[in-house]
C-alpha atoms as a PDB file:
ATOM      1  CA  MET A   1     169.814 249.072 236.569  1.00  0.00           C
ATOM      2  CA  LEU A   2     171.655 250.836 239.366  1.00  0.00           C
ATOM      3  CA  ARG A   3     169.711 253.072 241.710  1.00  0.00           C
ATOM      4  CA  LEU A   4     170.955 256.659 241.733  1.00  0.00           C
ATOM      5  CA  PHE A   5     169.132 257.870 244.833  1.00  0.00           C
ATOM      6  CA  ARG A   6     170.921 258.177 248.159  1.00  0.00           C
ATOM      7  CA  ARG A   7     170.688 255.191 250.457  1.00  0.00           C
ATOM      8  CA  LYS A   8     169.257 255.675 253.957  1.00  0.00           C
ATOM      9  CA  LYS A   9     171.885 253.340 255.381  1.00  0.00           C
ATOM     10  CA  HIS A  10     175.563 253.520 254.551  1.00  0.00           C
ATOM     11  CA  PRO A  11     176.685 250.366 252.706  1.00  0.00           C
ATOM     12  CA  THR A  12     179.185 248.075 254.423  1.00  0.00           C
ATOM     13  CA  LEU A  13     181.410 245.156 253.533  1.00  0.00           C
ATOM     14  CA  SER A  14     179.404 243.052 255.968  1.00  0.00           C
ATOM     15  CA  GLN A  15     176.312 243.763 253.858  1.00  0.00           C
ATOM     16  CA  GLY A  16     178.034 242.241 250.833  1.00  0.00           C
ATOM     17  CA  LEU A  17     179.046 239.115 252.743  1.00  0.00           C
ATOM     18  CA  PHE A  18     175.506 238.400 253.929  1.00  0.00           C
ATOM     19  CA  LYS A  19     174.947 235.280 251.779  1.00  0.00           C
ATOM     20  CA  THR A  20     178.320 233.782 252.659  1.00  0.00           C
ATOM     21  CA  ARG A  21     177.819 234.527 256.340  1.00  0.00           C
ATOM     22  CA  LEU A  22     174.313 233.042 256.249  1.00  0.00           C
ATOM     23  CA  SER A  23     175.652 229.788 254.818  1.00  0.00           C
ATOM     24  CA  LEU A  24     178.251 229.499 257.598  1.00  0.00           C
ATOM     25  CA  LYS A  25     176.545 230.962 260.648  1.00  0.00           C
ATOM     26  CA  GLU A  26     174.639 227.920 261.888  1.00  0.00           C
ATOM     27  CA  GLN A  27     177.630 225.615 261.469  1.00  0.00           C
ATOM     28  CA  LEU A  28     179.811 228.063 263.383  1.00  0.00           C
ATOM     29  CA  LYS A  29     177.246 228.277 266.180  1.00  0.00           C
ATOM     30  CA  VAL A  30     177.098 224.499 266.447  1.00  0.00           C
ATOM     31  CA  PHE A  31     180.894 224.380 266.408  1.00  0.00           C
ATOM     32  CA  LEU A  32     181.205 226.865 269.282  1.00  0.00           C
ATOM     33  CA  LYS A  33     178.406 225.338 271.392  1.00  0.00           C
ATOM     34  CA  LYS A  34     180.401 222.150 271.845  1.00  0.00           C
ATOM     35  CA  GLY A  35     182.774 224.154 274.008  1.00  0.00           C
ATOM     36  CA  LYS A  36     185.801 221.962 274.530  1.00  0.00           C
ATOM     37  CA  VAL A  37     188.385 220.997 271.929  1.00  0.00           C
ATOM     38  CA  ASP A  38     188.006 217.372 270.776  1.00  0.00           C
ATOM     39  CA  VAL A  39     189.267 215.083 268.006  1.00  0.00           C
ATOM     40  CA  ASP A  40     186.590 216.254 265.544  1.00  0.00           C
ATOM     41  CA  ILE A  41     187.406 219.949 265.712  1.00  0.00           C
ATOM     42  CA  LEU A  42     189.664 220.197 262.649  1.00  0.00           C
ATOM     43  CA  THR A  43     187.280 218.162 260.489  1.00  0.00           C
ATOM     44  CA  GLU A  44     184.426 220.479 261.437  1.00  0.00           C
ATOM     45  CA  LEU A  45     186.437 223.611 260.626  1.00  0.00           C
ATOM     46  CA  GLU A  46     187.652 222.112 257.356  1.00  0.00           C
ATOM     47  CA  GLU A  47     184.042 221.620 256.247  1.00  0.00           C
ATOM     48  CA  ILE A  48     183.169 225.189 257.168  1.00  0.00           C
ATOM     49  CA  LEU A  49     186.046 226.675 255.156  1.00  0.00           C
ATOM     50  CA  ILE A  50     185.351 224.515 252.109  1.00  0.00           C
ATOM     51  CA  LEU A  51     181.709 225.590 252.243  1.00  0.00           C
ATOM     52  CA  ALA A  52     182.844 229.233 252.116  1.00  0.00           C
ATOM     53  CA  ASP A  53     184.935 228.435 249.010  1.00  0.00           C
ATOM     54  CA  VAL A  54     188.184 229.287 250.774  1.00  0.00           C
ATOM     55  CA  GLY A  55     189.893 226.650 248.631  1.00  0.00           C
ATOM     56  CA  VAL A  56     191.581 223.344 249.425  1.00  0.00           C
ATOM     57  CA  LYS A  57     195.146 224.669 249.543  1.00  0.00           C
ATOM     58  CA  ILE A  58     194.484 227.404 252.100  1.00  0.00           C
ATOM     59  CA  THR A  59     192.135 225.190 254.095  1.00  0.00           C
ATOM     60  CA  MET A  60     194.831 222.525 254.499  1.00  0.00           C
ATOM     61  CA  GLU A  61     197.450 225.104 255.511  1.00  0.00           C
ATOM     62  CA  VAL A  62     195.086 226.650 258.042  1.00  0.00           C
ATOM     63  CA  MET A  63     194.278 223.230 259.510  1.00  0.00           C
ATOM     64  CA  ALA A  64     197.989 222.514 259.933  1.00  0.00           C
ATOM     65  CA  SER A  65     198.469 225.885 261.637  1.00  0.00           C
ATOM     66  CA  LEU A  66     195.529 225.309 263.975  1.00  0.00           C
ATOM     67  CA  LYS A  67     196.762 221.840 264.867  1.00  0.00           C
ATOM     68  CA  ASP A  68     200.112 223.322 265.900  1.00  0.00           C
ATOM     69  CA  SER A  69     198.372 226.063 267.907  1.00  0.00           C
ATOM     70  CA  ILE A  70     196.182 223.577 269.756  1.00  0.00           C
ATOM     71  CA  VAL A  71     199.219 221.526 270.756  1.00  0.00           C
ATOM     72  CA  ASN A  72     201.799 224.251 271.375  1.00  0.00           C
ATOM     73  CA  LYS A  73     199.493 226.776 273.034  1.00  0.00           C
ATOM     74  CA  GLY A  74     197.472 224.178 274.893  1.00  0.00           C
ATOM     75  CA  LEU A  75     194.131 225.444 273.599  1.00  0.00           C
ATOM     76  CA  LYS A  76     191.258 223.854 275.523  1.00  0.00           C
ATOM     77  CA  GLN A  77     188.209 225.830 274.399  1.00  0.00           C
ATOM     78  CA  ARG A  78     186.716 226.145 270.922  1.00  0.00           C
ATOM     79  CA  GLU A  79     186.393 229.897 271.355  1.00  0.00           C
ATOM     80  CA  GLU A  80     190.188 230.017 271.538  1.00  0.00           C
ATOM     81  CA  VAL A  81     190.510 227.983 268.342  1.00  0.00           C
ATOM     82  CA  TYR A  82     187.931 230.239 266.685  1.00  0.00           C
ATOM     83  CA  ARG A  83     190.114 233.280 267.447  1.00  0.00           C
ATOM     84  CA  GLU A  84     193.188 231.458 266.140  1.00  0.00           C
ATOM     85  CA  LEU A  85     191.273 230.656 262.952  1.00  0.00           C
ATOM     86  CA  LYS A  86     190.607 234.335 262.281  1.00  0.00           C
ATOM     87  CA  GLY A  87     194.261 235.193 262.751  1.00  0.00           C
ATOM     88  CA  ALA A  88     195.403 232.344 260.513  1.00  0.00           C
ATOM     89  CA  LEU A  89     193.094 233.403 257.689  1.00  0.00           C
ATOM     90  CA  LYS A  90     194.287 237.017 257.807  1.00  0.00           C
ATOM     91  CA  ASN A  91     197.794 235.805 256.979  1.00  0.00           C
ATOM     92  CA  PHE A  92     196.629 234.797 253.504  1.00  0.00           C
ATOM     93  CA  LEU A  93     195.467 238.290 252.561  1.00  0.00           C
ATOM     94  CA  SER A  94     197.778 240.640 250.673  1.00  0.00           C
ATOM     95  CA  ASN A  95     199.924 243.092 252.633  1.00  0.00           C
ATOM     96  CA  SER A  96     199.944 245.572 249.733  1.00  0.00           C
ATOM     97  CA  PRO A  97     198.320 249.002 250.230  1.00  0.00           C
ATOM     98  CA  ARG A  98     194.581 249.054 249.555  1.00  0.00           C
ATOM     99  CA  THR A  99     194.185 252.780 249.078  1.00  0.00           C
ATOM    100  CA  LEU A 100     193.554 254.024 245.544  1.00  0.00           C
ATOM    101  CA  SER A 101     196.363 256.001 243.912  1.00  0.00           C
ATOM    102  CA  ILE A 102     194.793 259.417 243.343  1.00  0.00           C
ATOM    103  CA  SER A 103     197.691 261.741 244.158  1.00  0.00           C
ATOM    104  CA  HIS A 104     198.508 262.289 240.470  1.00  0.00           C
ATOM    105  CA  SER A 105     196.749 264.808 238.266  1.00  0.00           C
ATOM    106  CA  PRO A 106     195.151 263.275 236.387  1.00  0.00           C
ATOM    107  CA  ALA A 107     195.016 259.940 238.173  1.00  0.00           C
ATOM    108  CA  VAL A 108     194.445 257.345 235.439  1.00  0.00           C
ATOM    109  CA  PHE A 109     192.478 254.161 236.119  1.00  0.00           C
ATOM    110  CA  LEU A 110     192.419 251.293 233.613  1.00  0.00           C
ATOM    111  CA  PHE A 111     189.567 248.837 234.225  1.00  0.00           C
ATOM    112  CA  VAL A 112     189.974 245.300 232.863  1.00  0.00           C
ATOM    113  CA  GLY A 113     188.128 241.993 233.120  1.00  0.00           C
ATOM    114  CA  VAL A 114     186.074 239.463 231.211  1.00  0.00           C
ATOM    115  CA  ASN A 115     182.598 240.216 229.904  1.00  0.00           C
ATOM    116  CA  GLY A 116     179.827 240.057 232.460  1.00  0.00           C
ATOM    117  CA  THR A 117     181.882 240.665 235.593  1.00  0.00           C
ATOM    118  CA  GLY A 118     180.372 244.104 236.249  1.00  0.00           C
ATOM    119  CA  LYS A 119     183.364 246.058 234.961  1.00  0.00           C
ATOM    120  CA  THR A 120     181.542 249.044 233.463  1.00  0.00           C
ATOM    121  CA  THR A 121     179.094 249.242 236.370  1.00  0.00           C
ATOM    122  CA  SER A 122     181.955 249.217 238.892  1.00  0.00           C
ATOM    123  CA  LEU A 123     183.670 251.981 236.911  1.00  0.00           C
ATOM    124  CA  ALA A 124     180.467 254.051 237.073  1.00  0.00           C
ATOM    125  CA  LYS A 125     180.181 253.529 240.823  1.00  0.00           C
ATOM    126  CA  LEU A 126     183.753 254.731 241.341  1.00  0.00           C
ATOM    127  CA  ALA A 127     183.155 257.730 239.062  1.00  0.00           C
ATOM    128  CA  TYR A 128     180.150 258.624 241.207  1.00  0.00           C
ATOM    129  CA  ARG A 129     182.242 258.398 244.365  1.00  0.00           C
ATOM    130  CA  PHE A 130     184.971 260.630 242.951  1.00  0.00           C
ATOM    131  CA  LYS A 131     182.486 263.227 241.737  1.00  0.00           C
ATOM    132  CA  LYS A 132     180.740 263.212 245.107  1.00  0.00           C
ATOM    133  CA  GLU A 133     184.129 263.969 246.667  1.00  0.00           C
ATOM    134  CA  GLY A 134     184.370 267.064 244.463  1.00  0.00           C
ATOM    135  CA  LYS A 135     186.826 265.690 241.924  1.00  0.00           C
ATOM    136  CA  LYS A 136     186.681 266.443 238.194  1.00  0.00           C
ATOM    137  CA  VAL A 137     186.047 263.138 236.446  1.00  0.00           C
ATOM    138  CA  LEU A 138     186.362 261.991 232.837  1.00  0.00           C
ATOM    139  CA  LEU A 139     185.386 258.606 231.356  1.00  0.00           C
ATOM    140  CA  ALA A 140     186.824 256.865 228.291  1.00  0.00           C
ATOM    141  CA  ALA A 141     185.055 254.181 226.244  1.00  0.00           C
ATOM    142  CA  GLY A 142     187.943 251.868 225.420  1.00  0.00           C
ATOM    143  CA  ASP A 143     185.586 248.988 224.618  1.00  0.00           C
ATOM    144  CA  THR A 144     185.167 249.565 220.881  1.00  0.00           C
ATOM    145  CA  PHE A 145     184.154 245.966 220.139  1.00  0.00           C
ATOM    146  CA  ARG A 146     181.101 244.901 222.148  1.00  0.00           C
ATOM    147  CA  ALA A 147     177.722 245.907 220.761  1.00  0.00           C
ATOM    148  CA  GLY A 148     176.155 248.456 223.094  1.00  0.00           C
ATOM    149  CA  ALA A 149     179.337 249.105 225.093  1.00  0.00           C
ATOM    150  CA  LEU A 150     179.763 252.695 223.912  1.00  0.00           C
ATOM    151  CA  GLU A 151     176.097 253.467 224.530  1.00  0.00           C
ATOM    152  CA  GLN A 152     176.301 251.927 227.991  1.00  0.00           C
ATOM    153  CA  LEU A 153     179.174 254.163 229.058  1.00  0.00           C
ATOM    154  CA  ASN A 154     177.583 257.203 227.391  1.00  0.00           C
ATOM    155  CA  HIS A 155     174.431 256.462 229.360  1.00  0.00           C
ATOM    156  CA  TRP A 156     176.402 256.476 232.590  1.00  0.00           C
ATOM    157  CA  GLY A 157     178.184 259.645 231.595  1.00  0.00           C
ATOM    158  CA  ASP A 158     174.844 261.367 231.056  1.00  0.00           C
ATOM    159  CA  ARG A 159     173.403 260.156 234.361  1.00  0.00           C
ATOM    160  CA  LEU A 160     176.503 261.127 236.318  1.00  0.00           C
ATOM    161  CA  GLY A 161     177.045 264.414 234.500  1.00  0.00           C
ATOM    162  CA  VAL A 162     180.493 263.289 233.324  1.00  0.00           C
ATOM    163  CA  ASP A 163     181.976 263.628 229.820  1.00  0.00           C
ATOM    164  CA  VAL A 164     182.934 260.500 227.869  1.00  0.00           C
ATOM    165  CA  ILE A 165     185.769 260.240 225.347  1.00  0.00           C
ATOM    166  CA  ARG A 166     184.804 257.756 222.634  1.00  0.00           C
ATOM    167  CA  HIS A 167     185.529 256.657 219.077  1.00  0.00           C
ATOM    168  CA  ASP A 168     183.377 254.678 216.648  1.00  0.00           C
ATOM    169  CA  TYR A 169     182.843 250.930 216.893  1.00  0.00           C
ATOM    170  CA  GLY A 170     185.769 248.904 215.627  1.00  0.00           C
ATOM    171  CA  GLY A 171     188.219 251.692 216.367  1.00  0.00           C
ATOM    172  CA  ASP A 172     191.621 251.391 218.009  1.00  0.00           C
ATOM    173  CA  SER A 173     191.152 251.225 221.775  1.00  0.00           C
ATOM    174  CA  ALA A 174     194.706 252.506 222.309  1.00  0.00           C
ATOM    175  CA  ALA A 175     193.810 255.616 220.286  1.00  0.00           C
ATOM    176  CA  VAL A 176     190.847 256.182 222.594  1.00  0.00           C
ATOM    177  CA  ALA A 177     193.173 255.951 225.576  1.00  0.00           C
ATOM    178  CA  TYR A 178     195.604 258.407 223.974  1.00  0.00           C
ATOM    179  CA  ASP A 179     192.851 260.959 223.300  1.00  0.00           C
ATOM    180  CA  ALA A 180     191.407 260.484 226.776  1.00  0.00           C
ATOM    181  CA  VAL A 181     194.687 261.105 228.606  1.00  0.00           C
ATOM    182  CA  THR A 182     195.423 264.107 226.391  1.00  0.00           C
ATOM    183  CA  ALA A 183     191.962 265.525 227.093  1.00  0.00           C
ATOM    184  CA  ALA A 184     192.293 264.857 230.819  1.00  0.00           C
ATOM    185  CA  ARG A 185     195.543 266.808 230.983  1.00  0.00           C
ATOM    186  CA  SER A 186     194.223 269.769 229.013  1.00  0.00           C
ATOM    187  CA  ARG A 187     190.967 269.977 230.996  1.00  0.00           C
ATOM    188  CA  GLY A 188     192.519 269.743 234.448  1.00  0.00           C
ATOM    189  CA  ILE A 189     190.792 266.441 235.211  1.00  0.00           C
ATOM    190  CA  ASP A 190     191.455 264.808 238.582  1.00  0.00           C
ATOM    191  CA  CYS A 191     190.424 261.231 237.743  1.00  0.00           C
ATOM    192  CA  LEU A 192     190.271 259.539 234.347  1.00  0.00           C
ATOM    193  CA  LEU A 193     188.526 256.145 234.293  1.00  0.00           C
ATOM    194  CA  ILE A 194     189.091 254.055 231.161  1.00  0.00           C
ATOM    195  CA  ASP A 195     186.816 251.147 230.289  1.00  0.00           C
ATOM    196  CA  THR A 196     188.206 248.306 228.167  1.00  0.00           C
ATOM    197  CA  ALA A 197     186.769 245.486 226.104  1.00  0.00           C
ATOM    198  CA  GLY A 198     185.773 242.486 228.151  1.00  0.00           C
ATOM    199  CA  ARG A 199     187.849 239.585 226.955  1.00  0.00           C
ATOM    200  CA  LEU A 200     188.569 235.993 227.790  1.00  0.00           C
ATOM    201  CA  GLN A 201     191.942 235.694 229.440  1.00  0.00           C
ATOM    202  CA  THR A 202     192.745 232.849 227.010  1.00  0.00           C
ATOM    203  CA  LYS A 203     192.684 235.183 223.975  1.00  0.00           C
ATOM    204  CA  VAL A 204     196.326 236.236 223.898  1.00  0.00           C
ATOM    205  CA  ASN A 205     195.941 238.644 220.967  1.00  0.00           C
ATOM    206  CA  LEU A 206     193.250 240.549 222.820  1.00  0.00           C
ATOM    207  CA  MET A 207     195.330 240.607 225.979  1.00  0.00           C
ATOM    208  CA  GLU A 208     198.179 242.118 223.956  1.00  0.00           C
ATOM    209  CA  GLU A 209     195.870 245.030 223.140  1.00  0.00           C
ATOM    210  CA  LEU A 210     195.644 245.802 226.847  1.00  0.00           C
ATOM    211  CA  LYS A 211     199.437 245.991 227.002  1.00  0.00           C
ATOM    212  CA  LYS A 212     199.361 248.345 224.030  1.00  0.00           C
ATOM    213  CA  MET A 213     196.810 250.598 225.753  1.00  0.00           C
ATOM    214  CA  SER A 214     198.964 250.707 228.866  1.00  0.00           C
ATOM    215  CA  ARG A 215     202.088 251.589 226.844  1.00  0.00           C
ATOM    216  CA  VAL A 216     200.296 254.371 224.938  1.00  0.00           C
ATOM    217  CA  ILE A 217     198.974 255.858 228.174  1.00  0.00           C
ATOM    218  CA  ALA A 218     202.485 255.846 229.674  1.00  0.00           C
ATOM    219  CA  LYS A 219     203.886 257.681 226.644  1.00  0.00           C
ATOM    220  CA  VAL A 220     201.412 260.524 227.130  1.00  0.00           C
ATOM    221  CA  LEU A 221     201.657 260.521 230.922  1.00  0.00           C
ATOM    222  CA  PRO A 222     204.711 258.818 232.460  1.00  0.00           C
ATOM    223  CA  GLN A 223     203.960 256.371 235.312  1.00  0.00           C
ATOM    224  CA  ALA A 224     200.318 256.092 234.188  1.00  0.00           C
ATOM    225  CA  PRO A 225     198.020 254.221 234.357  1.00  0.00           C
ATOM    226  CA  HIS A 226     198.309 254.684 238.090  1.00  0.00           C
ATOM    227  CA  GLU A 227     195.762 251.974 238.810  1.00  0.00           C
ATOM    228  CA  LYS A 228     195.228 248.843 236.702  1.00  0.00           C
ATOM    229  CA  ILE A 229     192.115 247.351 238.198  1.00  0.00           C
ATOM    230  CA  LEU A 230     190.791 243.859 237.549  1.00  0.00           C
ATOM    231  CA  VAL A 231     187.050 243.561 238.132  1.00  0.00           C
ATOM    232  CA  VAL A 232     186.146 240.091 239.394  1.00  0.00           C
ATOM    233  CA  ASP A 233     182.658 238.634 239.686  1.00  0.00           C
ATOM    234  CA  ALA A 234     182.413 237.325 243.251  1.00  0.00           C
ATOM    235  CA  THR A 235     179.956 234.631 242.186  1.00  0.00           C
ATOM    236  CA  PHE A 236     182.734 232.963 240.159  1.00  0.00           C
ATOM    237  CA  GLY A 237     184.549 231.958 243.350  1.00  0.00           C
ATOM    238  CA  GLN A 238     187.761 229.989 242.791  1.00  0.00           C
ATOM    239  CA  ASN A 239     187.254 230.167 239.010  1.00  0.00           C
ATOM    240  CA  SER A 240     188.396 233.801 239.087  1.00  0.00           C
ATOM    241  CA  ILE A 241     191.954 232.827 239.965  1.00  0.00           C
ATOM    242  CA  SER A 242     192.926 231.693 236.448  1.00  0.00           C
ATOM    243  CA  GLN A 243     191.503 234.950 235.048  1.00  0.00           C
ATOM    244  CA  GLY A 244     193.455 237.033 237.501  1.00  0.00           C
ATOM    245  CA  LYS A 245     196.770 235.281 236.919  1.00  0.00           C
ATOM    246  CA  LEU A 246     196.903 236.000 233.202  1.00  0.00           C
ATOM    247  CA  PHE A 247     195.651 239.572 233.473  1.00  0.00           C
ATOM    248  CA  HIS A 248     198.329 240.168 236.096  1.00  0.00           C
ATOM    249  CA  GLU A 249     200.968 238.595 233.869  1.00  0.00           C
ATOM    250  CA  PHE A 250     200.086 240.879 230.957  1.00  0.00           C
ATOM    251  CA  ILE A 251     199.549 244.260 232.612  1.00  0.00           C
ATOM    252  CA  ASP A 252     200.849 244.009 236.207  1.00  0.00           C
ATOM    253  CA  LEU A 253     197.639 244.672 238.126  1.00  0.00           C
ATOM    254  CA  THR A 254     197.642 247.123 241.030  1.00  0.00           C
ATOM    255  CA  GLY A 255     194.332 246.082 242.549  1.00  0.00           C
ATOM    256  CA  MET A 256     190.986 244.355 242.195  1.00  0.00           C
ATOM    257  CA  VAL A 257     187.329 245.241 242.543  1.00  0.00           C
ATOM    258  CA  LEU A 258     185.159 242.403 243.762  1.00  0.00           C
ATOM    259  CA  ALA A 259     181.798 242.981 242.063  1.00  0.00           C
ATOM    260  CA  LYS A 260     178.477 241.363 242.993  1.00  0.00           C
ATOM    261  CA  LEU A 261     179.712 240.266 246.409  1.00  0.00           C
ATOM    262  CA  ASP A 262     176.173 240.556 247.746  1.00  0.00           C
ATOM    263  CA  GLY A 263     175.004 237.906 245.281  1.00  0.00           C
ATOM    264  CA  SER A 264     177.602 235.315 246.231  1.00  0.00           C
ATOM    265  CA  ALA A 265     177.891 232.666 248.930  1.00  0.00           C
ATOM    266  CA  LYS A 266     181.549 232.185 247.927  1.00  0.00           C
ATOM    267  CA  GLY A 267     183.063 235.107 249.809  1.00  0.00           C
ATOM    268  CA  GLY A 268     185.897 232.948 251.110  1.00  0.00           C
ATOM    269  CA  ALA A 269     187.412 232.798 247.620  1.00  0.00           C
ATOM    270  CA  ILE A 270     188.926 236.253 248.207  1.00  0.00           C
ATOM    271  CA  LEU A 271     191.596 234.575 250.339  1.00  0.00           C
ATOM    272  CA  SER A 272     192.775 232.308 247.521  1.00  0.00           C
ATOM    273  CA  LEU A 273     192.492 235.091 244.970  1.00  0.00           C
ATOM    274  CA  GLU A 274     194.755 237.449 246.901  1.00  0.00           C
ATOM    275  CA  ASN A 275     197.114 234.729 248.039  1.00  0.00           C
ATOM    276  CA  GLU A 276     197.661 233.407 244.502  1.00  0.00           C
ATOM    277  CA  LEU A 277     198.018 236.810 242.821  1.00  0.00           C
ATOM    278  CA  GLY A 278     199.573 238.942 245.549  1.00  0.00           C
ATOM    279  CA  VAL A 279     197.216 241.699 244.368  1.00  0.00           C
ATOM    280  CA  PRO A 280     194.919 243.413 246.904  1.00  0.00           C
ATOM    281  CA  VAL A 281     191.168 243.727 246.618  1.00  0.00           C
ATOM    282  CA  LYS A 282     190.682 247.475 247.027  1.00  0.00           C
ATOM    283  CA  LEU A 283     186.931 247.808 246.551  1.00  0.00           C
ATOM    284  CA  ALA A 284     183.867 245.584 246.763  1.00  0.00           C
ATOM    285  CA  GLY A 285     180.423 245.937 245.226  1.00  0.00           C
ATOM    286  CA  VAL A 286     177.907 245.148 247.961  1.00  0.00           C
ATOM    287  CA  GLY A 287     174.582 245.985 246.295  1.00  0.00           C
ATOM    288  CA  GLU A 288     172.810 247.430 243.282  1.00  0.00           C
ATOM    289  CA  GLY A 289     172.872 251.062 244.371  1.00  0.00           C
ATOM    290  CA  ILE A 290     175.309 253.593 242.913  1.00  0.00           C
ATOM    291  CA  GLU A 291     176.786 254.097 246.395  1.00  0.00           C
ATOM    292  CA  ASP A 292     177.214 250.374 247.023  1.00  0.00           C
ATOM    293  CA  LEU A 293     180.953 250.313 246.382  1.00  0.00           C
ATOM    294  CA  VAL A 294     182.943 250.078 249.605  1.00  0.00           C
ATOM    295  CA  ASP A 295     186.598 250.006 250.614  1.00  0.00           C
ATOM    296  CA  PHE A 296     187.880 246.526 251.352  1.00  0.00           C
ATOM    297  CA  ASP A 297     189.161 246.167 254.907  1.00  0.00           C
ATOM    298  CA  PRO A 298     190.880 242.844 255.731  1.00  0.00           C
ATOM    299  CA  GLY A 299     189.934 242.857 259.410  1.00  0.00           C
ATOM    300  CA  GLU A 300     186.304 243.657 258.698  1.00  0.00           C
ATOM    301  CA  TYR A 301     186.281 240.997 255.987  1.00  0.00           C
ATOM    302  CA  ILE A 302     187.468 238.179 258.262  1.00  0.00           C
ATOM    303  CA  ASP A 303     185.198 239.252 261.128  1.00  0.00           C
ATOM    304  CA  SER A 304     182.180 239.456 258.811  1.00  0.00           C
ATOM    305  CA  LEU A 305     182.979 236.180 257.051  1.00  0.00           C
ATOM    306  CA  LEU A 306     183.078 234.259 260.346  1.00  0.00           C
ATOM    307  CA  SER A 307     180.439 236.233 262.236  1.00  0.00           C
ATOM    308  CA  ILE A 308     177.786 234.328 264.193  1.00  0.00           C
ATOM    309  CA  ASP A 309     175.582 237.395 264.789  1.00  0.00           C
END
């Protein structure tokens, strides 16, 4: 259960990468202590990146880039190679904007993902953030299939003091979306956050329902949904890529939320995820608290991932 009290310390992306950083820190320290560049340097770095779950494809490309840098730039010290490594990894992150699209009124957010990724919890965290910023927020229970899903979102609505648009179990999720957007417009809502049924990306008929929801929303409010957010469980590592590809194919994702980052030692998988999809991670869940949802900053991510402090 999420904690609703205010944290004494502001959450950070570095906090979420603690387990990944812990698994790499000692190897990085040993790597840097050797000082001079030698024949083993690329093998050592390759092992470090694989351990972080960066993925074989990116690891091999980074090794090729570093080899060229060592030769062409005449790098003699491992500290120089370490800095080159950070720069090379940043090139695999998306260049797309990472800010949330909230300039519309209402701004409509459609949350998608498989069951168990932390989708509804991430939605609640974002709703809390928006309300704290003084925005009028409305939730919609588009998951009309999973037992307990409607109650879960209602529970969050009650705790956050936010209304929830819902239908009965087994109802048409697109109809929920229609009613929610209509209500948001009439009530002067700033941000509408729509939950959806968690589904396996291999179930094409269920994925088609997401497309239907998106089309219905656009009919009521042109250009909406303004954000189509895939929630990814960070502990899945490279396994999240296949999920992301099909969701992106069906509804053209605008961003991702990386949930449960604090519970994963596979933080390097973000590089492959963004590189394969071309979709930016916009937010990351870095703890159990309601405030533990932070903006994703590429520079901070790379520095935290490869920190030796």
